[in-house]
Amino acid sequence: MSQPVRILSRSELPPEGEAREAVCGARTLCIANANGEVHAVDNVCPHRGGPLGQGIVENGNIVCPWHAWAFNLKSGAAEHSPLARIRVYPVHVEGDDVLVEID
């Protein structure tokens, strides 16, 4: 298990049903708020490299703003094919800190 890294404060989290990009070291993650649960996933859509953190949250999925590919925020699987997926990172909220496990 990797050491959790602080990525945002609780006040910087996106509102319910929204996502945003968050820089963590050399990588950028998509942080999404779906049904009050915070998710961290890869920010780059595997289809054409769209920025998922600029997409919308819909029915537990993050939807790419470029070509509307939708990925489940819990499993990372694409809605149209379980073979297409994005990486999902464990998230912990401790006090005012939002921590993500990145290896």
N, C-alpha and C. Protein backbone atom coordinates (compact mmCIF):
# COMPACT_ATOMS: atom_id res chain seq x y z
N MET A 1 0.84 -1.19 0.00
CA MET A 1 0.00 0.00 0.00
C MET A 1 0.88 1.24 0.00
N SER A 2 0.52 2.22 -0.81
CA SER A 2 1.30 3.44 -0.91
C SER A 2 0.90 4.42 0.18
N GLN A 3 1.77 5.38 0.41
CA GLN A 3 1.52 6.43 1.40
C GLN A 3 0.53 7.45 0.81
N PRO A 4 -0.55 7.77 1.51
CA PRO A 4 -1.49 8.77 1.00
C PRO A 4 -0.84 10.14 0.87
N VAL A 5 -1.22 10.87 -0.18
CA VAL A 5 -0.69 12.20 -0.46
C VAL A 5 -1.84 13.20 -0.39
N ARG A 6 -1.60 14.33 0.27
CA ARG A 6 -2.63 15.38 0.34
C ARG A 6 -2.76 16.01 -1.05
N ILE A 7 -3.98 16.04 -1.55
CA ILE A 7 -4.19 16.58 -2.89
C ILE A 7 -5.03 17.86 -2.86
N LEU A 8 -5.94 17.97 -1.92
CA LEU A 8 -6.81 19.13 -1.77
C LEU A 8 -7.21 19.29 -0.31
N SER A 9 -7.78 20.45 -0.01
CA SER A 9 -8.46 20.60 1.27
C SER A 9 -9.93 20.29 1.04
N ARG A 10 -10.63 20.02 2.09
CA ARG A 10 -12.07 19.70 1.99
C ARG A 10 -12.82 20.84 1.30
N SER A 11 -12.43 22.09 1.56
CA SER A 11 -13.12 23.24 0.96
C SER A 11 -12.85 23.37 -0.54
N GLU A 12 -11.82 22.71 -1.05
CA GLU A 12 -11.49 22.75 -2.48
C GLU A 12 -12.18 21.64 -3.28
N LEU A 13 -12.89 20.75 -2.60
CA LEU A 13 -13.58 19.67 -3.31
C LEU A 13 -14.65 20.24 -4.24
N PRO A 14 -14.86 19.56 -5.37
CA PRO A 14 -15.93 20.02 -6.26
C PRO A 14 -17.29 19.80 -5.59
N PRO A 15 -18.27 20.63 -5.94
CA PRO A 15 -19.62 20.44 -5.41
C PRO A 15 -20.21 19.10 -5.89
N GLU A 16 -21.25 18.68 -5.23
CA GLU A 16 -21.96 17.45 -5.61
C GLU A 16 -22.26 17.46 -7.10
N GLY A 17 -21.94 16.34 -7.77
CA GLY A 17 -22.24 16.19 -9.19
C GLY A 17 -21.24 16.86 -10.11
N GLU A 18 -20.10 17.30 -9.58
CA GLU A 18 -19.10 17.97 -10.42
C GLU A 18 -17.73 17.33 -10.23
N ALA A 19 -16.83 17.70 -11.13
CA ALA A 19 -15.45 17.21 -11.08
C ALA A 19 -14.51 18.38 -11.30
N ARG A 20 -13.23 18.16 -10.94
CA ARG A 20 -12.20 19.15 -11.21
C ARG A 20 -10.86 18.46 -11.30
N GLU A 21 -9.93 19.15 -11.88
CA GLU A 21 -8.57 18.63 -12.00
C GLU A 21 -7.77 19.03 -10.76
N ALA A 22 -6.89 18.13 -10.33
CA ALA A 22 -6.02 18.41 -9.19
C ALA A 22 -4.63 17.88 -9.52
N VAL A 23 -3.63 18.73 -9.37
CA VAL A 23 -2.25 18.35 -9.65
C VAL A 23 -1.66 17.70 -8.41
N CYS A 24 -1.01 16.57 -8.63
CA CYS A 24 -0.35 15.84 -7.56
C CYS A 24 1.01 15.38 -8.07
N GLY A 25 2.04 16.14 -7.73
CA GLY A 25 3.37 15.81 -8.24
C GLY A 25 3.41 16.00 -9.74
N ALA A 26 3.84 14.97 -10.45
CA ALA A 26 3.97 15.04 -11.91
C ALA A 26 2.68 14.66 -12.63
N ARG A 27 1.65 14.27 -11.90
CA ARG A 27 0.42 13.85 -12.58
C ARG A 27 -0.76 14.72 -12.17
N THR A 28 -1.75 14.74 -13.04
CA THR A 28 -3.00 15.44 -12.78
C THR A 28 -4.10 14.40 -12.66
N LEU A 29 -4.89 14.52 -11.60
CA LEU A 29 -5.99 13.60 -11.37
C LEU A 29 -7.32 14.30 -11.56
N CYS A 30 -8.34 13.52 -11.82
CA CYS A 30 -9.71 13.99 -11.84
C CYS A 30 -10.30 13.67 -10.47
N ILE A 31 -10.77 14.69 -9.77
CA ILE A 31 -11.43 14.52 -8.48
C ILE A 31 -12.91 14.78 -8.71
N ALA A 32 -13.75 13.80 -8.41
CA ALA A 32 -15.18 13.91 -8.68
C ALA A 32 -15.99 13.67 -7.41
N ASN A 33 -17.12 14.35 -7.32
CA ASN A 33 -18.03 14.20 -6.20
C ASN A 33 -19.34 13.62 -6.73
N ALA A 34 -19.57 12.36 -6.43
CA ALA A 34 -20.77 11.67 -6.90
C ALA A 34 -21.55 11.15 -5.70
N ASN A 35 -22.74 11.65 -5.52
CA ASN A 35 -23.60 11.23 -4.41
C ASN A 35 -22.93 11.42 -3.06
N GLY A 36 -22.17 12.52 -2.92
CA GLY A 36 -21.49 12.82 -1.67
C GLY A 36 -20.23 12.03 -1.43
N GLU A 37 -19.84 11.19 -2.36
CA GLU A 37 -18.63 10.38 -2.24
C GLU A 37 -17.55 10.97 -3.15
N VAL A 38 -16.33 11.11 -2.60
CA VAL A 38 -15.22 11.68 -3.35
C VAL A 38 -14.46 10.56 -4.05
N HIS A 39 -14.17 10.78 -5.33
CA HIS A 39 -13.45 9.80 -6.14
C HIS A 39 -12.24 10.47 -6.79
N ALA A 40 -11.17 9.69 -6.96
CA ALA A 40 -9.99 10.16 -7.69
C ALA A 40 -9.68 9.14 -8.77
N VAL A 41 -9.57 9.62 -10.01
CA VAL A 41 -9.28 8.76 -11.15
C VAL A 41 -8.27 9.46 -12.05
N ASP A 42 -7.71 8.71 -13.01
CA ASP A 42 -6.85 9.33 -14.01
C ASP A 42 -7.60 10.48 -14.67
N ASN A 43 -6.88 11.53 -15.00
CA ASN A 43 -7.51 12.68 -15.64
C ASN A 43 -7.56 12.56 -17.15
N VAL A 44 -6.80 11.64 -17.73
CA VAL A 44 -6.70 11.53 -19.18
C VAL A 44 -7.59 10.40 -19.70
N CYS A 45 -8.51 10.75 -20.58
CA CYS A 45 -9.37 9.75 -21.20
C CYS A 45 -8.54 8.91 -22.16
N PRO A 46 -8.65 7.58 -22.09
CA PRO A 46 -7.86 6.72 -22.98
C PRO A 46 -8.28 6.79 -24.45
N HIS A 47 -9.43 7.38 -24.73
CA HIS A 47 -9.90 7.46 -26.11
C HIS A 47 -9.04 8.42 -26.93
N ARG A 48 -9.02 9.68 -26.56
CA ARG A 48 -8.27 10.69 -27.31
C ARG A 48 -7.56 11.69 -26.39
N GLY A 49 -7.41 11.33 -25.12
CA GLY A 49 -6.66 12.18 -24.19
C GLY A 49 -7.43 13.33 -23.60
N GLY A 50 -8.76 13.28 -23.65
CA GLY A 50 -9.57 14.36 -23.10
C GLY A 50 -9.38 14.51 -21.60
N PRO A 51 -9.55 15.74 -21.08
CA PRO A 51 -9.37 16.01 -19.65
C PRO A 51 -10.62 15.66 -18.84
N LEU A 52 -10.63 14.51 -18.21
CA LEU A 52 -11.82 14.04 -17.50
C LEU A 52 -12.25 14.98 -16.38
N GLY A 53 -11.30 15.66 -15.76
CA GLY A 53 -11.63 16.60 -14.69
C GLY A 53 -12.42 17.80 -15.16
N GLN A 54 -12.53 17.98 -16.48
CA GLN A 54 -13.34 19.05 -17.05
C GLN A 54 -14.69 18.52 -17.55
N GLY A 55 -14.91 17.21 -17.30
CA GLY A 55 -16.16 16.58 -17.73
C GLY A 55 -17.25 16.75 -16.70
N ILE A 56 -18.32 15.98 -16.90
CA ILE A 56 -19.45 16.04 -15.97
C ILE A 56 -19.61 14.70 -15.26
N VAL A 57 -20.21 14.76 -14.09
CA VAL A 57 -20.52 13.56 -13.32
C VAL A 57 -21.99 13.24 -13.57
N GLU A 58 -22.23 11.99 -13.99
CA GLU A 58 -23.59 11.59 -14.33
C GLU A 58 -23.79 10.12 -13.99
N ASN A 59 -24.76 9.83 -13.13
CA ASN A 59 -25.09 8.44 -12.76
C ASN A 59 -23.89 7.64 -12.29
N GLY A 60 -23.04 8.24 -11.47
CA GLY A 60 -21.87 7.54 -10.93
C GLY A 60 -20.72 7.41 -11.91
N ASN A 61 -20.81 8.11 -13.03
CA ASN A 61 -19.75 8.08 -14.05
C ASN A 61 -19.13 9.46 -14.22
N ILE A 62 -17.88 9.50 -14.70
CA ILE A 62 -17.30 10.74 -15.18
C ILE A 62 -17.38 10.66 -16.70
N VAL A 63 -17.90 11.72 -17.32
CA VAL A 63 -18.11 11.74 -18.76
C VAL A 63 -17.11 12.70 -19.38
N CYS A 64 -16.32 12.20 -20.31
CA CYS A 64 -15.30 13.00 -20.97
C CYS A 64 -15.94 14.15 -21.75
N PRO A 65 -15.38 15.37 -21.62
CA PRO A 65 -15.97 16.51 -22.33
C PRO A 65 -15.71 16.50 -23.83
N TRP A 66 -14.78 15.70 -24.31
CA TRP A 66 -14.44 15.71 -25.74
C TRP A 66 -15.35 14.82 -26.57
N HIS A 67 -15.53 13.55 -26.17
CA HIS A 67 -16.30 12.61 -26.99
C HIS A 67 -17.31 11.80 -26.19
N ALA A 68 -17.58 12.23 -24.96
CA ALA A 68 -18.63 11.65 -24.11
C ALA A 68 -18.42 10.20 -23.70
N TRP A 69 -17.17 9.73 -23.69
CA TRP A 69 -16.93 8.41 -23.11
C TRP A 69 -17.19 8.52 -21.61
N ALA A 70 -17.92 7.56 -21.04
CA ALA A 70 -18.28 7.58 -19.62
C ALA A 70 -17.57 6.44 -18.90
N PHE A 71 -17.00 6.75 -17.73
CA PHE A 71 -16.27 5.78 -16.93
C PHE A 71 -16.85 5.73 -15.53
N ASN A 72 -17.06 4.52 -15.01
CA ASN A 72 -17.57 4.33 -13.66
C ASN A 72 -16.52 4.82 -12.67
N LEU A 73 -16.92 5.69 -11.75
CA LEU A 73 -15.98 6.27 -10.80
C LEU A 73 -15.48 5.28 -9.75
N LYS A 74 -16.19 4.18 -9.55
CA LYS A 74 -15.75 3.19 -8.56
C LYS A 74 -14.85 2.13 -9.17
N SER A 75 -15.16 1.68 -10.38
CA SER A 75 -14.39 0.59 -10.99
C SER A 75 -13.41 1.08 -12.05
N GLY A 76 -13.69 2.23 -12.64
CA GLY A 76 -12.86 2.74 -13.74
C GLY A 76 -13.26 2.20 -15.10
N ALA A 77 -14.20 1.25 -15.15
CA ALA A 77 -14.61 0.64 -16.42
C ALA A 77 -15.44 1.61 -17.25
N ALA A 78 -15.21 1.57 -18.56
CA ALA A 78 -15.99 2.38 -19.47
C ALA A 78 -17.40 1.83 -19.56
N GLU A 79 -18.35 2.72 -19.70
CA GLU A 79 -19.75 2.31 -19.79
C GLU A 79 -20.00 1.45 -21.03
N HIS A 80 -19.33 1.74 -22.12
CA HIS A 80 -19.57 1.04 -23.39
C HIS A 80 -18.75 -0.25 -23.52
N SER A 81 -17.69 -0.40 -22.71
CA SER A 81 -16.85 -1.60 -22.80
C SER A 81 -16.01 -1.77 -21.55
N PRO A 82 -16.10 -2.91 -20.87
CA PRO A 82 -15.27 -3.12 -19.68
C PRO A 82 -13.78 -3.25 -20.01
N LEU A 83 -13.45 -3.37 -21.29
CA LEU A 83 -12.04 -3.46 -21.69
C LEU A 83 -11.35 -2.09 -21.69
N ALA A 84 -12.12 -1.03 -21.86
CA ALA A 84 -11.59 0.33 -21.78
C ALA A 84 -11.78 0.80 -20.35
N ARG A 85 -10.71 1.29 -19.74
CA ARG A 85 -10.84 1.71 -18.34
C ARG A 85 -9.82 2.77 -17.98
N ILE A 86 -10.10 3.43 -16.87
CA ILE A 86 -9.18 4.39 -16.29
C ILE A 86 -8.80 3.90 -14.91
N ARG A 87 -7.71 4.39 -14.40
CA ARG A 87 -7.24 3.97 -13.08
C ARG A 87 -8.00 4.73 -11.99
N VAL A 88 -8.35 4.01 -10.94
CA VAL A 88 -9.05 4.56 -9.78
C VAL A 88 -8.08 4.56 -8.60
N TYR A 89 -8.04 5.64 -7.85
CA TYR A 89 -7.15 5.77 -6.70
C TYR A 89 -7.96 5.87 -5.42
N PRO A 90 -7.55 5.16 -4.36
CA PRO A 90 -8.25 5.27 -3.08
C PRO A 90 -8.16 6.69 -2.51
N VAL A 91 -9.27 7.18 -1.96
CA VAL A 91 -9.35 8.52 -1.39
C VAL A 91 -9.72 8.41 0.08
N HIS A 92 -9.09 9.26 0.91
CA HIS A 92 -9.41 9.34 2.33
C HIS A 92 -9.56 10.81 2.68
N VAL A 93 -10.58 11.14 3.46
CA VAL A 93 -10.74 12.49 3.97
C VAL A 93 -10.46 12.44 5.46
N GLU A 94 -9.42 13.18 5.87
CA GLU A 94 -9.02 13.23 7.27
C GLU A 94 -8.99 14.68 7.71
N GLY A 95 -9.93 15.05 8.57
CA GLY A 95 -10.02 16.45 8.98
C GLY A 95 -10.31 17.32 7.76
N ASP A 96 -9.43 18.29 7.49
CA ASP A 96 -9.60 19.18 6.34
C ASP A 96 -8.83 18.68 5.12
N ASP A 97 -8.12 17.57 5.23
CA ASP A 97 -7.28 17.09 4.15
C ASP A 97 -7.93 15.99 3.35
N VAL A 98 -7.80 16.09 2.02
CA VAL A 98 -8.24 15.04 1.11
C VAL A 98 -6.97 14.34 0.63
N LEU A 99 -6.85 13.08 0.97
CA LEU A 99 -5.66 12.28 0.67
C LEU A 99 -5.95 11.25 -0.39
N VAL A 100 -4.99 11.04 -1.29
CA VAL A 100 -5.12 10.05 -2.35
C VAL A 100 -3.92 9.13 -2.30
N GLU A 101 -4.17 7.83 -2.43
CA GLU A 101 -3.08 6.85 -2.46
C GLU A 101 -2.57 6.72 -3.89
N ILE A 102 -1.37 7.22 -4.11
CA ILE A 102 -0.73 7.17 -5.42
C ILE A 102 0.58 6.41 -5.28
N ASP A 103 0.79 5.43 -6.14
CA ASP A 103 2.04 4.67 -6.05
C ASP A 103 3.09 5.19 -6.97
